[in-house]
Amino acid sequence: METEQVLDCGTTSSRPANGRHSHSFKAAVDSKSGSTTSGEKTSKLLAALSLIALLLLLFLSLSLLRHILMVPPTGDVELNPGPMIDDQPSCPLFAKYLEPLVDWEPFALCLPGGITQLDVDIIKIKGSSYLRMEALHKRWLQVNPTASWRDVINALKQCKENELARTIEDKVTDPTAGRSTNEVSTSNANPGPITGKHTLNTTLIN
C-alpha cells in the first residue's frame, strides 16, 4: 500500500511538470511566429518606402531635365525670334508694317480670301492709317483664317508696292531675327574700334 501511494504521488507530481513544459513550448512557438510576422511587416514597409523614394527621385530627375531643356541656349538671355514668313500676321505688326502704305485699297482687294469693295468702304471711315490697317487685319482674318505674311508680300507685289514688300520680306526672313534683344542693344550701343579710331584721327588733325 505504501508503495502504491508513493507511485501515485510520483505520477501526480510529474503531471504538472509535463504541463508546464507544454505551455512553455507553445509560448516559444507563438513568440517565434509573432517575431516572424513582425519581420515580414518590417520588410514590406521597407520595400514600400524604397519604392516611394525611387519614384520621388525619378520625378525630381524628370523635373530637372525639363528645366534644363527649357533654359535658353544663351543662358539667362531670352531670345526674340520675331515673325516668320509663313506665320499668321499679328494685328500690331500688320498695322505697324503697313501703316506707310498710302494707296492701301488695291492692296486690300489683292489679299487672298475675299476682301470686298464693301469691306474697303467700311474700313475707309477709320480715322488714321494705323486704325485702317487694324480694321483690315481683323476683317481679313475673318475671311481667311490661314492668312500669312507670304500672302501680304505677294499682295504688295501685285500692287507694284515692291519696296514695302521687300522691307516686310526682310523683316520676316532676316536670319538675325533670332538674336537676343540684349545682344542687339549691346552691339548698337558699343560701336567698338570705330569710335576709338575716329577719336584718334580727330586728335591728330587738331
Protein backbone atom coordinates (compact mmCIF):
# COMPACT_ATOMS: atom_id res chain seq x y z
CA MET A 1 0.00 0.00 0.00
CA GLU A 2 2.73 2.45 0.81
CA THR A 3 4.50 1.66 -2.46
CA GLU A 4 1.31 2.35 -4.44
CA GLN A 5 0.82 5.64 -2.63
CA VAL A 6 4.38 6.64 -3.42
CA LEU A 7 3.88 5.80 -7.10
CA ASP A 8 0.63 7.71 -7.19
CA CYS A 9 2.28 10.71 -5.66
CA GLY A 10 5.13 10.47 -8.15
CA THR A 11 2.73 10.23 -11.02
CA THR A 12 0.67 13.09 -9.74
CA SER A 13 3.69 15.26 -9.16
CA SER A 14 5.05 14.61 -12.67
CA ARG A 15 1.86 15.72 -14.48
CA PRO A 16 2.15 19.38 -13.68
CA ALA A 17 5.76 19.32 -14.81
CA ASN A 18 4.75 17.94 -18.22
CA GLY A 19 2.02 20.58 -18.44
CA ARG A 20 4.48 23.35 -17.72
CA HIS A 21 6.81 22.09 -20.45
CA SER A 22 3.90 22.01 -22.91
CA HIS A 23 2.89 25.57 -22.09
CA SER A 24 6.49 26.79 -22.37
CA PHE A 25 6.94 25.18 -25.80
CA LYS A 26 3.66 26.68 -27.05
CA ALA A 27 4.70 30.10 -25.80
CA ALA A 28 8.04 29.79 -27.56
CA VAL A 29 6.33 28.81 -30.84
CA ASP A 30 3.87 31.70 -30.53
CA SER A 31 6.73 34.08 -29.80
CA LYS A 32 8.68 32.86 -32.83
CA SER A 33 5.59 33.13 -35.02
CA GLY A 34 4.97 36.66 -33.78
CA SER A 35 8.53 37.74 -34.46
CA THR A 36 8.34 36.24 -37.96
CA THR A 37 5.14 38.17 -38.72
CA SER A 38 6.69 41.36 -37.37
CA GLY A 39 9.76 40.82 -39.54
CA GLU A 40 7.62 40.35 -42.64
CA LYS A 41 5.74 43.57 -41.90
CA THR A 42 9.02 45.44 -41.46
CA SER A 43 10.35 44.06 -44.75
CA LYS A 44 7.19 45.10 -46.59
CA LEU A 45 7.35 48.56 -45.04
CA LEU A 46 10.98 48.99 -46.08
CA ALA A 47 10.17 47.83 -49.61
CA ALA A 48 7.30 50.33 -49.84
CA LEU A 49 9.49 53.16 -48.58
CA SER A 50 12.21 52.23 -51.08
CA LEU A 51 9.69 52.29 -53.92
CA ILE A 52 8.37 55.70 -52.85
CA ALA A 53 11.92 57.07 -52.63
CA LEU A 54 12.71 55.70 -56.10
CA LEU A 55 9.59 57.27 -57.62
CA LEU A 56 10.37 60.59 -55.93
CA LEU A 57 13.92 60.52 -57.27
CA LEU A 58 12.64 59.75 -60.77
CA PHE A 59 10.16 62.63 -60.59
CA LEU A 60 12.86 65.07 -59.47
CA SER A 61 15.18 63.89 -62.25
CA LEU A 62 12.49 64.43 -64.89
CA SER A 63 11.68 67.88 -63.48
CA LEU A 64 15.36 68.84 -63.58
CA LEU A 65 15.71 67.57 -67.15
CA ARG A 66 12.65 69.54 -68.22
CA HIS A 67 14.05 72.68 -66.60
CA ILE A 68 17.38 72.21 -68.39
CA LEU A 69 15.66 71.80 -71.76
CA MET A 70 13.60 74.96 -71.21
CA VAL A 71 16.62 77.16 -70.45
CA PRO A 72 17.55 79.33 -73.47
CA PRO A 73 20.83 78.27 -75.12
CA THR A 74 22.46 81.65 -74.38
CA GLY A 75 21.98 81.40 -70.63
CA ASP A 76 19.71 83.94 -68.97
CA VAL A 77 19.15 85.97 -72.15
CA GLU A 78 15.68 85.46 -73.62
CA LEU A 79 15.50 85.10 -77.40
CA ASN A 80 13.16 87.20 -79.52
CA PRO A 81 12.79 85.34 -82.83
CA GLY A 82 10.23 87.70 -84.41
CA PRO A 83 7.69 86.77 -87.10
CA MET A 84 8.34 84.22 -89.84
CA ILE A 85 7.09 84.41 -93.40
CA ASP A 86 4.56 81.57 -93.05
CA ASP A 87 3.24 82.78 -89.68
CA GLN A 88 -0.14 84.41 -89.36
CA PRO A 89 0.37 88.19 -89.04
CA SER A 90 -0.39 89.64 -85.63
CA CYS A 91 -2.58 92.74 -85.60
CA PRO A 92 0.01 95.13 -84.09
CA LEU A 93 2.77 94.14 -86.54
CA PHE A 94 0.40 94.11 -89.52
CA ALA A 95 -0.73 97.66 -88.72
CA LYS A 96 2.81 98.83 -87.96
CA TYR A 97 4.41 97.42 -91.13
CA LEU A 98 1.59 98.54 -93.45
CA GLU A 99 0.88 101.94 -91.92
CA PRO A 100 3.16 103.68 -94.51
CA LEU A 101 1.05 102.27 -97.36
CA VAL A 102 -0.86 105.24 -98.81
CA ASP A 103 -2.76 103.51 -101.64
CA TRP A 104 -3.97 100.64 -99.49
CA GLU A 105 -7.29 99.88 -101.22
CA PRO A 106 -5.85 97.89 -104.19
CA PHE A 107 -3.66 96.02 -101.70
CA ALA A 108 -6.69 95.08 -99.60
CA LEU A 109 -8.53 93.79 -102.66
CA CYS A 110 -5.48 91.70 -103.67
CA LEU A 111 -5.31 89.89 -100.32
CA PRO A 112 -6.38 86.25 -100.75
CA GLY A 113 -9.60 85.28 -99.03
CA GLY A 114 -12.23 87.63 -100.41
CA ILE A 115 -11.95 91.21 -99.15
CA THR A 116 -14.74 93.07 -100.98
CA GLN A 117 -15.23 96.69 -102.02
CA LEU A 118 -17.89 96.95 -99.33
CA ASP A 119 -15.30 95.94 -96.73
CA VAL A 120 -12.95 98.61 -98.09
CA ASP A 121 -15.68 101.28 -97.90
CA ILE A 122 -16.36 100.40 -94.26
CA ILE A 123 -12.66 100.48 -93.38
CA LYS A 124 -12.27 103.91 -95.03
CA ILE A 125 -14.10 105.66 -92.23
CA LYS A 126 -11.37 104.85 -89.72
CA GLY A 127 -9.54 107.94 -88.54
CA SER A 128 -5.91 107.04 -89.26
CA SER A 129 -3.83 104.75 -91.43
CA TYR A 130 -2.90 102.62 -88.42
CA LEU A 131 -6.55 102.15 -87.42
CA ARG A 132 -7.47 101.30 -91.01
CA MET A 133 -4.79 98.61 -91.10
CA GLU A 134 -6.07 97.21 -87.79
CA ALA A 135 -9.60 97.02 -89.21
CA LEU A 136 -8.31 95.47 -92.43
CA HIS A 137 -6.37 92.85 -90.45
CA LYS A 138 -9.43 91.93 -88.41
CA ARG A 139 -11.65 91.59 -91.48
CA TRP A 140 -9.02 89.67 -93.45
CA LEU A 141 -8.57 87.04 -90.75
CA GLN A 142 -12.35 86.61 -90.64
CA VAL A 143 -12.49 85.69 -94.32
CA ASN A 144 -9.10 83.93 -94.44
CA PRO A 145 -8.09 82.22 -91.15
CA THR A 146 -4.96 80.77 -92.81
CA ALA A 147 -3.53 84.18 -93.73
CA SER A 148 0.27 84.54 -93.64
CA TRP A 149 2.98 87.13 -94.15
CA ARG A 150 3.70 85.48 -97.50
CA ASP A 151 0.19 86.47 -98.63
CA VAL A 152 0.86 90.07 -97.55
CA ILE A 153 4.11 90.21 -99.53
CA ASN A 154 2.51 88.70 -102.65
CA ALA A 155 -0.39 91.16 -102.50
CA LEU A 156 2.01 94.09 -102.22
CA LYS A 157 3.96 92.86 -105.24
CA GLN A 158 0.74 92.56 -107.26
CA CYS A 159 0.04 96.21 -106.47
CA LYS A 160 3.57 97.21 -107.52
CA GLU A 161 4.45 98.15 -103.93
CA ASN A 162 7.76 96.38 -104.34
CA GLU A 163 9.80 98.47 -101.92
CA LEU A 164 7.43 97.92 -99.00
CA ALA A 165 7.11 94.25 -99.96
CA ARG A 166 10.90 93.90 -99.84
CA THR A 167 11.08 95.69 -96.48
CA ILE A 168 8.49 93.40 -94.90
CA GLU A 169 10.07 90.34 -96.50
CA ASP A 170 13.40 91.26 -94.93
CA LYS A 171 11.74 91.56 -91.53
CA VAL A 172 10.14 88.12 -91.68
CA THR A 173 13.10 86.29 -93.26
CA ASP A 174 16.03 88.05 -91.55
CA PRO A 175 18.42 85.37 -90.20
CA THR A 176 19.43 87.72 -87.36
CA ALA A 177 15.85 87.82 -86.10
CA GLY A 178 16.78 85.14 -83.57
CA ARG A 179 19.38 87.34 -81.88
CA SER A 180 18.60 88.27 -78.31
CA THR A 181 17.31 91.73 -77.51
CA ASN A 182 20.20 92.33 -75.11
CA GLU A 183 22.74 91.29 -77.74
CA VAL A 184 21.31 93.65 -80.35
CA SER A 185 21.12 96.60 -77.94
CA THR A 186 24.67 95.95 -76.72
CA SER A 187 26.10 95.82 -80.24
CA ASN A 188 24.28 99.03 -81.17
CA ALA A 189 25.41 100.86 -78.05
CA ASN A 190 29.05 99.78 -78.34
CA PRO A 191 30.46 100.52 -81.82
CA GLY A 192 33.92 99.30 -80.73
CA PRO A 193 37.12 100.24 -82.55
CA ILE A 194 35.39 102.62 -84.99
CA THR A 195 34.75 105.21 -82.29
CA GLY A 196 38.30 104.94 -80.99
CA LYS A 197 39.77 105.33 -84.47
CA HIS A 198 37.60 108.34 -85.16
CA THR A 199 38.70 109.97 -81.91
CA LEU A 200 42.37 109.31 -82.71
CA ASN A 201 42.07 110.85 -86.18
CA THR A 202 40.35 113.92 -84.76
CA THR A 203 43.15 114.36 -82.22
CA LEU A 204 45.87 114.14 -84.90
CA ILE A 205 44.10 116.66 -87.12
CA ASN A 206 43.77 119.13 -84.26
